[in-house]
C-alpha atoms as a PDB file:
ATOM      1  CA  MET A   1     -18.558  31.875   9.589  1.00  0.00           C
ATOM      2  CA  LYS A   2     -19.120  28.640   7.650  1.00  0.00           C
ATOM      3  CA  HIS A   3     -19.270  30.625   4.414  1.00  0.00           C
ATOM      4  CA  PHE A   4     -15.911  32.245   5.245  1.00  0.00           C
ATOM      5  CA  PHE A   5     -14.180  28.889   5.782  1.00  0.00           C
ATOM      6  CA  ARG A   6     -15.545  27.632   2.457  1.00  0.00           C
ATOM      7  CA  LEU A   7     -13.966  30.452   0.447  1.00  0.00           C
ATOM      8  CA  ALA A   8     -11.439  29.009  -2.018  1.00  0.00           C
ATOM      9  CA  ALA A   9      -8.563  31.170  -0.779  1.00  0.00           C
ATOM     10  CA  VAL A  10      -9.252  30.300   2.850  1.00  0.00           C
ATOM     11  CA  GLN A  11      -9.509  26.595   2.075  1.00  0.00           C
ATOM     12  CA  SER A  12      -6.254  26.656   0.121  1.00  0.00           C
ATOM     13  CA  THR A  13      -4.433  28.319   3.007  1.00  0.00           C
ATOM     14  CA  LEU A  14      -5.868  25.945   5.593  1.00  0.00           C
ATOM     15  CA  ALA A  15      -5.100  22.941   3.368  1.00  0.00           C
ATOM     16  CA  PHE A  16      -1.474  24.067   3.100  1.00  0.00           C
ATOM     17  CA  LEU A  17      -1.211  24.449   6.876  1.00  0.00           C
ATOM     18  CA  LEU A  18      -2.858  21.081   7.560  1.00  0.00           C
ATOM     19  CA  ALA A  19      -0.714  19.227   5.029  1.00  0.00           C
ATOM     20  CA  SER A  20       2.433  20.851   6.399  1.00  0.00           C
ATOM     21  CA  TYR A  21       1.457  19.814   9.914  1.00  0.00           C
ATOM     22  CA  LEU A  22       0.686  16.223   8.934  1.00  0.00           C
ATOM     23  CA  ASN A  23       3.964  15.953   7.026  1.00  0.00           C
ATOM     24  CA  LEU A  24       5.746  17.123  10.179  1.00  0.00           C
ATOM     25  CA  VAL A  25       3.884  14.541  12.241  1.00  0.00           C
ATOM     26  CA  ALA A  26       4.677  11.791   9.734  1.00  0.00           C
ATOM     27  CA  ALA A  27       8.367  12.683   9.838  1.00  0.00           C
ATOM     28  CA  THR A  28       8.536  12.424  13.616  1.00  0.00           C
ATOM     29  CA  MET A  29       6.232   9.452  14.292  1.00  0.00           C
ATOM     30  CA  ARG A  30       7.258   5.815  14.673  1.00  0.00           C
ATOM     31  CA  TRP A  31       4.913   3.575  12.691  1.00  0.00           C
ATOM     32  CA  ARG A  32       4.661  -0.191  12.910  1.00  0.00           C
ATOM     33  CA  MET A  33       2.597  -2.425  10.656  1.00  0.00           C
ATOM     34  CA  GLU A  34       1.172  -5.811  11.617  1.00  0.00           C
ATOM     35  CA  ALA A  35       0.446  -7.982   8.596  1.00  0.00           C
ATOM     36  CA  SER A  36       0.981 -11.626   7.768  1.00  0.00           C
ATOM     37  CA  ALA A  37       3.647 -12.689   5.286  1.00  0.00           C
ATOM     38  CA  ASP A  38       0.907 -13.387   2.739  1.00  0.00           C
ATOM     39  CA  VAL A  39      -0.543  -9.889   3.153  1.00  0.00           C
ATOM     40  CA  ALA A  40       2.907  -8.316   2.828  1.00  0.00           C
ATOM     41  CA  ALA A  41       3.540 -10.312  -0.342  1.00  0.00           C
ATOM     42  CA  GLU A  42       0.236  -9.167  -1.822  1.00  0.00           C
ATOM     43  CA  LEU A  43       0.967  -5.540  -0.992  1.00  0.00           C
ATOM     44  CA  ALA A  44       4.281  -5.844  -2.834  1.00  0.00           C
ATOM     45  CA  LYS A  45       2.619  -6.983  -6.073  1.00  0.00           C
ATOM     46  CA  PRO A  46       2.336  -4.374  -8.854  1.00  0.00           C
ATOM     47  CA  ALA A  47      -1.447  -4.741  -9.246  1.00  0.00           C
ATOM     48  CA  GLY A  48      -3.694  -1.909  -8.112  1.00  0.00           C
ATOM     49  CA  GLY A  49      -6.321  -2.085  -5.388  1.00  0.00           C
ATOM     50  CA  MET A  50      -8.193  -0.320  -2.618  1.00  0.00           C
ATOM     51  CA  ILE A  51      -7.500   0.352   1.052  1.00  0.00           C
ATOM     52  CA  PHE A  52     -10.431   0.897   3.422  1.00  0.00           C
ATOM     53  CA  PHE A  53     -10.091   2.597   6.809  1.00  0.00           C
ATOM     54  CA  TRP A  54     -12.613   4.440   8.961  1.00  0.00           C
ATOM     55  CA  HIS A  55     -13.338   8.119   8.368  1.00  0.00           C
ATOM     56  CA  GLY A  56     -12.287   9.026  11.906  1.00  0.00           C
ATOM     57  CA  ARG A  57      -8.734   7.921  11.026  1.00  0.00           C
ATOM     58  CA  ILE A  58      -8.488  10.056   7.904  1.00  0.00           C
ATOM     59  CA  ALA A  59      -5.674  12.136   9.422  1.00  0.00           C
ATOM     60  CA  LEU A  60      -3.732   8.895   9.896  1.00  0.00           C
ATOM     61  CA  GLY A  61      -4.357   7.866   6.299  1.00  0.00           C
ATOM     62  CA  ALA A  62      -0.931   9.015   5.108  1.00  0.00           C
ATOM     63  CA  VAL A  63       0.324   5.673   6.409  1.00  0.00           C
ATOM     64  CA  SER A  64      -1.239   4.106   3.319  1.00  0.00           C
ATOM     65  CA  ARG A  65       1.804   5.335   1.414  1.00  0.00           C
ATOM     66  CA  ARG A  66       3.641   2.547   3.228  1.00  0.00           C
ATOM     67  CA  LEU A  67       0.890  -0.027   2.742  1.00  0.00           C
ATOM     68  CA  MET A  68       0.893   0.104  -1.066  1.00  0.00           C
ATOM     69  CA  ARG A  69       4.385   1.409  -1.474  1.00  0.00           C
ATOM     70  CA  GLY A  70       5.903   1.762  -4.898  1.00  0.00           C
ATOM     71  CA  ARG A  71       2.687   2.822  -6.623  1.00  0.00           C
ATOM     72  CA  PRO A  72       0.696   6.055  -6.985  1.00  0.00           C
ATOM     73  CA  MET A  73      -2.154   6.571  -4.530  1.00  0.00           C
ATOM     74  CA  ARG A  74      -5.360   8.577  -4.772  1.00  0.00           C
ATOM     75  CA  ALA A  75      -8.197   9.294  -2.354  1.00  0.00           C
ATOM     76  CA  MET A  76     -11.927   9.148  -3.083  1.00  0.00           C
ATOM     77  CA  ILE A  77     -13.436  12.307  -1.592  1.00  0.00           C
ATOM     78  CA  SER A  78     -16.996  13.629  -1.822  1.00  0.00           C
ATOM     79  CA  LEU A  79     -18.020  16.611  -3.944  1.00  0.00           C
ATOM     80  CA  SER A  80     -19.262  18.529  -0.899  1.00  0.00           C
ATOM     81  CA  ALA A  81     -17.873  21.928   0.079  1.00  0.00           C
ATOM     82  CA  ASP A  82     -16.050  20.351   3.026  1.00  0.00           C
ATOM     83  CA  GLY A  83     -14.730  17.691   0.678  1.00  0.00           C
ATOM     84  CA  ALA A  84     -13.070  20.408  -1.403  1.00  0.00           C
ATOM     85  CA  PHE A  85     -10.923  21.348   1.580  1.00  0.00           C
ATOM     86  CA  VAL A  86     -10.007  17.719   2.272  1.00  0.00           C
ATOM     87  CA  ALA A  87      -9.167  17.211  -1.408  1.00  0.00           C
ATOM     88  CA  LYS A  88      -6.778  20.169  -1.400  1.00  0.00           C
ATOM     89  CA  ALA A  89      -5.008  18.892   1.704  1.00  0.00           C
ATOM     90  CA  ALA A  90      -4.846  15.347   0.299  1.00  0.00           C
ATOM     91  CA  ALA A  91      -3.274  16.610  -2.931  1.00  0.00           C
ATOM     92  CA  ARG A  92      -0.550  18.357  -0.959  1.00  0.00           C
ATOM     93  CA  LEU A  93       0.094  15.096   0.887  1.00  0.00           C
ATOM     94  CA  GLY A  94       0.589  13.272  -2.407  1.00  0.00           C
ATOM     95  CA  PHE A  95      -2.922  11.813  -2.831  1.00  0.00           C
ATOM     96  CA  PRO A  96      -4.762  13.580  -5.666  1.00  0.00           C
ATOM     97  CA  ALA A  97      -8.490  13.237  -5.123  1.00  0.00           C
ATOM     98  CA  ILE A  98     -11.060  11.310  -7.089  1.00  0.00           C
ATOM     99  CA  ARG A  99     -14.069  13.544  -6.477  1.00  0.00           C
ATOM    100  CA  GLY A 100     -17.380  11.803  -5.945  1.00  0.00           C
ATOM    101  CA  SER A 101     -19.292   9.787  -3.382  1.00  0.00           C
ATOM    102  CA  ALA A 102     -19.694   6.012  -3.305  1.00  0.00           C
ATOM    103  CA  ALA A 103     -21.628   6.182  -0.051  1.00  0.00           C
ATOM    104  CA  ARG A 104     -24.813   4.713  -1.487  1.00  0.00           C
ATOM    105  CA  HIS A 105     -23.914   2.719  -4.552  1.00  0.00           C
ATOM    106  CA  ALA A 106     -21.559   3.049  -7.483  1.00  0.00           C
ATOM    107  CA  GLY A 107     -23.040   4.807 -10.442  1.00  0.00           C
ATOM    108  CA  ALA A 108     -25.587   6.812  -8.451  1.00  0.00           C
ATOM    109  CA  GLY A 109     -25.526   9.669  -6.035  1.00  0.00           C
ATOM    110  CA  LYS A 110     -23.407  12.788  -6.205  1.00  0.00           C
ATOM    111  CA  GLY A 111     -20.636  12.186  -8.712  1.00  0.00           C
ATOM    112  CA  GLY A 112     -20.893   8.407  -8.334  1.00  0.00           C
ATOM    113  CA  THR A 113     -20.634   7.418 -11.998  1.00  0.00           C
ATOM    114  CA  ALA A 114     -17.716   9.697 -12.865  1.00  0.00           C
ATOM    115  CA  ALA A 115     -15.849   8.771  -9.682  1.00  0.00           C
ATOM    116  CA  PHE A 116     -16.361   5.063 -10.326  1.00  0.00           C
ATOM    117  CA  LEU A 117     -14.998   5.260 -13.867  1.00  0.00           C
ATOM    118  CA  GLU A 118     -12.025   7.364 -12.804  1.00  0.00           C
ATOM    119  CA  ALA A 119     -11.209   4.983  -9.943  1.00  0.00           C
ATOM    120  CA  LEU A 120     -11.537   1.968 -12.231  1.00  0.00           C
ATOM    121  CA  ARG A 121      -9.114   3.379 -14.792  1.00  0.00           C
ATOM    122  CA  PHE A 122      -6.636   4.312 -12.079  1.00  0.00           C
ATOM    123  CA  ILE A 123      -6.730   0.863 -10.450  1.00  0.00           C
ATOM    124  CA  GLU A 124      -6.337  -0.848 -13.826  1.00  0.00           C
ATOM    125  CA  SER A 125      -3.161   1.203 -14.363  1.00  0.00           C
ATOM    126  CA  GLY A 126      -1.724  -0.184 -11.103  1.00  0.00           C
ATOM    127  CA  GLY A 127      -2.740   2.623  -8.765  1.00  0.00           C
ATOM    128  CA  GLY A 128      -4.131   2.398  -5.250  1.00  0.00           C
ATOM    129  CA  VAL A 129      -7.289   4.132  -4.028  1.00  0.00           C
ATOM    130  CA  PHE A 130      -8.108   4.633  -0.404  1.00  0.00           C
ATOM    131  CA  ILE A 131     -11.689   4.969   0.758  1.00  0.00           C
ATOM    132  CA  THR A 132     -13.344   5.745   4.079  1.00  0.00           C
ATOM    133  CA  PRO A 133     -16.336   3.369   3.803  1.00  0.00           C
ATOM    134  CA  ASP A 134     -18.362   5.066   6.552  1.00  0.00           C
ATOM    135  CA  GLY A 135     -18.054   8.504   4.967  1.00  0.00           C
ATOM    136  CA  PRO A 136     -18.760  11.156   4.123  1.00  0.00           C
ATOM    137  CA  ARG A 137     -21.518  11.516   6.747  1.00  0.00           C
ATOM    138  CA  GLY A 138     -21.621   8.277   8.707  1.00  0.00           C
ATOM    139  CA  PRO A 139     -22.831   6.726  10.906  1.00  0.00           C
ATOM    140  CA  ALA A 140     -19.315   6.259  12.222  1.00  0.00           C
ATOM    141  CA  GLU A 141     -17.791   2.812  11.671  1.00  0.00           C
ATOM    142  CA  VAL A 142     -20.828   1.585   9.748  1.00  0.00           C
ATOM    143  CA  MET A 143     -19.705   0.470   6.316  1.00  0.00           C
ATOM    144  CA  GLN A 144     -21.866   1.804   3.493  1.00  0.00           C
ATOM    145  CA  ALA A 145     -22.902  -0.384   0.578  1.00  0.00           C
ATOM    146  CA  GLY A 146     -21.311   1.820  -2.084  1.00  0.00           C
ATOM    147  CA  PRO A 147     -17.641   0.937  -1.519  1.00  0.00           C
ATOM    148  CA  VAL A 148     -18.475  -2.789  -1.595  1.00  0.00           C
ATOM    149  CA  VAL A 149     -20.388  -2.395  -4.867  1.00  0.00           C
ATOM    150  CA  LEU A 150     -17.474  -0.387  -6.282  1.00  0.00           C
ATOM    151  CA  ALA A 151     -15.020  -3.135  -5.337  1.00  0.00           C
ATOM    152  CA  ALA A 152     -17.275  -5.781  -6.904  1.00  0.00           C
ATOM    153  CA  ARG A 153     -17.723  -3.934 -10.185  1.00  0.00           C
ATOM    154  CA  ALA A 154     -14.025  -3.106 -10.401  1.00  0.00           C
ATOM    155  CA  GLY A 155     -13.120  -6.734  -9.650  1.00  0.00           C
ATOM    156  CA  THR A 156     -10.210  -5.467  -7.603  1.00  0.00           C
ATOM    157  CA  ARG A 157      -8.545  -6.539  -4.386  1.00  0.00           C
ATOM    158  CA  VAL A 158      -9.347  -4.744  -1.141  1.00  0.00           C
ATOM    159  CA  PHE A 159      -7.195  -4.325   1.950  1.00  0.00           C
ATOM    160  CA  LEU A 160      -8.661  -3.332   5.326  1.00  0.00           C
ATOM    161  CA  ALA A 161      -6.513  -1.238   7.656  1.00  0.00           C
ATOM    162  CA  GLY A 162      -7.038  -0.575  11.350  1.00  0.00           C
ATOM    163  CA  LEU A 163      -5.132   2.583  12.321  1.00  0.00           C
ATOM    164  CA  ALA A 164      -4.274   3.939  15.763  1.00  0.00           C
ATOM    165  CA  ALA A 165      -1.869   6.602  17.012  1.00  0.00           C
ATOM    166  CA  ARG A 166      -0.837   8.176  20.299  1.00  0.00           C
ATOM    167  CA  PRO A 167      -0.801  10.913  21.400  1.00  0.00           C
ATOM    168  CA  ALA A 168      -3.729  12.207  19.394  1.00  0.00           C
ATOM    169  CA  ILE A 169      -6.479  14.774  19.785  1.00  0.00           C
ATOM    170  CA  ARG A 170     -10.031  13.455  19.394  1.00  0.00           C
ATOM    171  CA  LEU A 171     -12.261  16.044  17.738  1.00  0.00           C
ATOM    172  CA  ARG A 172     -15.945  16.542  18.576  1.00  0.00           C
ATOM    173  CA  SER A 173     -17.074  15.562  15.097  1.00  0.00           C
ATOM    174  CA  TRP A 174     -19.518  12.851  14.023  1.00  0.00           C
ATOM    175  CA  ASP A 175     -16.615  10.452  13.418  1.00  0.00           C
ATOM    176  CA  GLU A 176     -14.484  11.588  16.399  1.00  0.00           C
ATOM    177  CA  THR A 177     -11.557  12.323  14.080  1.00  0.00           C
ATOM    178  CA  ARG A 178      -8.157  11.552  15.577  1.00  0.00           C
ATOM    179  CA  VAL A 179      -5.460  14.148  14.884  1.00  0.00           C
ATOM    180  CA  PRO A 180      -2.025  12.752  15.776  1.00  0.00           C
ATOM    181  CA  LEU A 181       0.565  14.864  17.562  1.00  0.00           C
ATOM    182  CA  PRO A 182       4.290  14.964  16.684  1.00  0.00           C
ATOM    183  CA  PHE A 183       6.793  12.479  18.136  1.00  0.00           C
ATOM    184  CA  GLY A 184       4.164   9.819  18.785  1.00  0.00           C
ATOM    185  CA  ARG A 185       3.745   6.264  17.630  1.00  0.00           C
ATOM    186  CA  GLY A 186       1.228   4.507  15.467  1.00  0.00           C
ATOM    187  CA  PHE A 187       0.096   1.029  14.488  1.00  0.00           C
ATOM    188  CA  ALA A 188      -1.449  -0.187  11.255  1.00  0.00           C
ATOM    189  CA  VAL A 189      -3.033  -3.645  11.227  1.00  0.00           C
ATOM    190  CA  VAL A 190      -3.758  -4.838   7.703  1.00  0.00           C
ATOM    191  CA  GLU A 191      -5.832  -7.690   6.289  1.00  0.00           C
ATOM    192  CA  GLY A 192      -6.339  -8.736   2.678  1.00  0.00           C
ATOM    193  CA  PRO A 193      -6.657  -9.129  -0.146  1.00  0.00           C
ATOM    194  CA  LEU A 194     -10.428  -9.460  -0.021  1.00  0.00           C
ATOM    195  CA  PHE A 195     -12.704  -9.627  -3.043  1.00  0.00           C
ATOM    196  CA  ALA A 196     -16.380  -8.827  -3.530  1.00  0.00           C
ATOM    197  CA  PRO A 197     -18.017 -11.270  -6.013  1.00  0.00           C
ATOM    198  CA  GLU A 198     -18.492  -9.422  -9.297  1.00  0.00           C
ATOM    199  CA  HIS A 199     -21.927 -10.842 -10.178  1.00  0.00           C
ATOM    200  CA  ALA A 200     -23.374 -11.153  -6.665  1.00  0.00           C
ATOM    201  CA  ASP A 201     -26.943 -10.113  -5.962  1.00  0.00           C
ATOM    202  CA  ARG A 202     -27.928  -7.533  -3.342  1.00  0.00           C
ATOM    203  CA  SER A 203     -28.233 -10.117  -0.572  1.00  0.00           C
ATOM    204  CA  ALA A 204     -24.761 -11.517  -1.217  1.00  0.00           C
ATOM    205  CA  LEU A 205     -23.218  -8.045  -1.307  1.00  0.00           C
ATOM    206  CA  GLU A 206     -24.928  -7.216   1.989  1.00  0.00           C
ATOM    207  CA  GLY A 207     -23.243 -10.276   3.452  1.00  0.00           C
ATOM    208  CA  VAL A 208     -19.875  -9.010   2.205  1.00  0.00           C
ATOM    209  CA  ARG A 209     -20.572  -5.541   3.588  1.00  0.00           C
ATOM    210  CA  ALA A 210     -21.429  -6.895   7.046  1.00  0.00           C
ATOM    211  CA  ASP A 211     -18.390  -9.190   7.020  1.00  0.00           C
ATOM    212  CA  TRP A 212     -15.984  -6.427   6.018  1.00  0.00           C
ATOM    213  CA  GLN A 213     -17.494  -4.071   8.583  1.00  0.00           C
ATOM    214  CA  GLY A 214     -16.904  -6.595  11.351  1.00  0.00           C
ATOM    215  CA  ARG A 215     -13.375  -7.276  10.155  1.00  0.00           C
ATOM    216  CA  LEU A 216     -12.480  -3.582   9.992  1.00  0.00           C
ATOM    217  CA  ARG A 217     -13.841  -2.961  13.479  1.00  0.00           C
ATOM    218  CA  ALA A 218     -11.766  -5.885  14.779  1.00  0.00           C
ATOM    219  CA  LEU A 219      -8.652  -4.539  13.056  1.00  0.00           C
ATOM    220  CA  GLU A 220      -9.239  -1.149  14.654  1.00  0.00           C
ATOM    221  CA  ASP A 221      -9.537  -2.793  18.078  1.00  0.00           C
ATOM    222  CA  ARG A 222      -6.330  -4.738  17.418  1.00  0.00           C
ATOM    223  CA  ALA A 223      -4.443  -1.584  16.439  1.00  0.00           C
ATOM    224  CA  GLU A 224      -5.622   0.158  19.618  1.00  0.00           C
ATOM    225  CA  ALA A 225      -4.614  -2.857  21.725  1.00  0.00           C
ATOM    226  CA  LEU A 226      -1.138  -2.944  20.174  1.00  0.00           C
ATOM    227  CA  LEU A 227      -0.772   0.778  20.794  1.00  0.00           C
ATOM    228  CA  ASN A 228      -1.823   0.444  24.428  1.00  0.00           C
ATOM    229  CA  GLY A 229       0.651  -2.395  24.948  1.00  0.00           C
ATOM    230  CA  ALA A 230       3.565  -0.672  23.213  1.00  0.00           C
ATOM    231  CA  ARG A 231       6.503   0.658  25.146  1.00  0.00           C
END
């Protein structure tokens, strides 16, 4: 059965159906963004950057079109067979994929070097890249070192986004993926820009990783709290 769902034709069909569904959801949902005036001003600048949000909110990631509006966006997606399906769906949603994994550290791992160079060129041209820093295999909501190293070597700004939506189906996957339903509402809570020191040693980068992980978890909690209090 797994082999069947990884056939190119099957993946293309499923990607079309998923993208069509998410576009329908996006058209009927009411989204609100909480961000300070400074964050909003930074998002409006023409420079490129990165947006991090947890892997379990990947179906909500289309909101990033609003976060870095006015610029092209791409998604970093692993070279795995499952990643091929996600990449096809992302392309249909307007986020062409950068294929490769930064889960361990930039420049190593499956496709790490090529993905890093492609992302760097895209950011330098003013584009935005969104990354799920606990992907592609988790643990859930544990930030991996790779995305932090990538941000440091690129010398680019990073925005963290806590995303929540209701109603949504919670899948029985490792990341408990949330799939939003039509005519719901969502919240995005955004912080940034943050920077990883370009010439930091491993200990300093670990400090950044732990700090950003804590911040992103807090933003996720804030988004859920706003959603629960919304009327």
